[in-house]
Amino acid sequence: MKNKSMVEIGCYLGISTELFAIFCEKITSIDLWGLDESYDGGENPKEAWASIYQSAQDRLVSYSNVTLVQNYGDQASKDFLNNSC
């Protein structure tokens, strides 16, 4: 799979992303990380999302093949060409 690219929708702390990074050539991981102001917090209060995003960044900083995108999945998908991943 090392010559494969993938897009991950929902990264959270980046645990799965890290595993994908070991086996794939390029990973683009998309998550809201608190971007949705209408989200009521669920198990994570709104104030926690910045810390969660930072944790994902810290976990994945050594993987040059990972790009984190803070956006809605449907909006971020517009940045990809058809069949580009």
Protein backbone atom coordinates (compact mmCIF):
# COMPACT_ATOMS: atom_id res chain seq x y z
CA MET A 1 0.00 0.00 0.00
CA LYS A 2 2.98 2.34 0.27
CA ASN A 3 2.26 3.74 -3.20
CA LYS A 4 -1.37 4.52 -2.27
CA SER A 5 -2.89 7.83 -1.24
CA MET A 6 -5.93 8.13 0.96
CA VAL A 7 -8.32 10.62 2.48
CA GLU A 8 -9.51 10.07 6.02
CA ILE A 9 -12.69 11.76 7.21
CA GLY A 10 -12.49 12.13 10.97
CA CYS A 11 -9.05 12.13 12.55
CA TYR A 12 -9.74 13.08 16.18
CA LEU A 13 -6.44 12.38 18.00
CA GLY A 14 -4.71 10.93 14.93
CA ILE A 15 -4.24 7.41 16.23
CA SER A 16 -5.61 5.69 13.12
CA THR A 17 -4.00 8.35 10.95
CA GLU A 18 -0.60 7.40 12.33
CA LEU A 19 -1.15 3.77 11.37
CA PHE A 20 -2.26 4.78 7.87
CA ALA A 21 0.84 6.98 7.57
CA ILE A 22 3.09 3.98 8.07
CA PHE A 23 1.52 2.11 5.17
CA CYS A 24 0.41 4.80 2.70
CA GLU A 25 2.38 7.21 0.61
CA LYS A 26 0.12 10.19 1.28
CA ILE A 27 -2.68 10.81 3.81
CA THR A 28 -5.01 13.78 3.89
CA SER A 29 -7.01 13.74 7.09
CA ILE A 30 -10.07 15.97 7.45
CA ASP A 31 -11.77 16.79 10.73
CA LEU A 32 -13.79 19.63 12.21
CA TRP A 33 -11.82 19.78 15.49
CA GLY A 34 -14.43 22.11 16.97
CA LEU A 35 -15.04 24.15 13.83
CA ASP A 36 -18.80 23.55 14.00
CA GLU A 37 -20.13 26.23 16.33
CA SER A 38 -23.54 24.53 16.56
CA TYR A 39 -22.01 21.32 18.00
CA ASP A 40 -23.16 20.93 21.59
CA GLY A 41 -19.95 19.28 22.72
CA GLY A 42 -21.10 15.71 23.20
CA GLU A 43 -18.46 13.96 25.28
CA ASN A 44 -15.99 16.78 24.66
CA PRO A 45 -16.77 20.34 25.69
CA LYS A 46 -16.18 22.96 23.01
CA GLU A 47 -13.15 24.25 24.92
CA ALA A 48 -11.41 20.86 24.57
CA TRP A 49 -11.28 20.80 20.75
CA ALA A 50 -8.23 23.06 20.43
CA SER A 51 -6.32 20.71 22.71
CA ILE A 52 -7.53 17.65 20.78
CA TYR A 53 -6.44 19.23 17.48
CA GLN A 54 -3.04 20.06 19.00
CA SER A 55 -2.69 16.46 20.19
CA ALA A 56 -3.30 15.20 16.65
CA GLN A 57 -0.75 17.68 15.28
CA ASP A 58 1.82 16.63 17.90
CA ARG A 59 1.26 12.93 17.19
CA LEU A 60 1.64 13.34 13.42
CA VAL A 61 4.33 16.03 13.15
CA SER A 62 7.04 13.51 12.23
CA TYR A 63 5.05 12.13 9.28
CA SER A 64 5.78 14.27 6.23
CA ASN A 65 3.21 12.28 4.26
CA VAL A 66 0.28 13.49 6.42
CA THR A 67 -1.71 16.65 5.80
CA LEU A 68 -4.30 17.71 8.37
CA VAL A 69 -7.24 19.76 7.11
CA GLN A 70 -9.60 21.47 9.53
CA ASN A 71 -12.80 21.71 7.53
CA TYR A 72 -16.14 20.09 6.81
CA GLY A 73 -15.71 16.91 4.74
CA ASP A 74 -18.06 18.03 1.98
CA GLN A 75 -16.30 21.38 1.66
CA ALA A 76 -12.81 19.89 1.80
CA SER A 77 -13.71 17.35 -0.89
CA LYS A 78 -13.98 20.20 -3.39
CA ASP A 79 -10.20 20.60 -3.16
CA PHE A 80 -9.63 17.15 -4.67
CA LEU A 81 -9.66 16.39 -8.36
CA ASN A 82 -11.71 13.38 -9.43
CA ASN A 83 -9.67 10.20 -9.05
CA SER A 84 -6.80 12.11 -7.46
CA CYS A 85 -6.73 9.98 -4.32
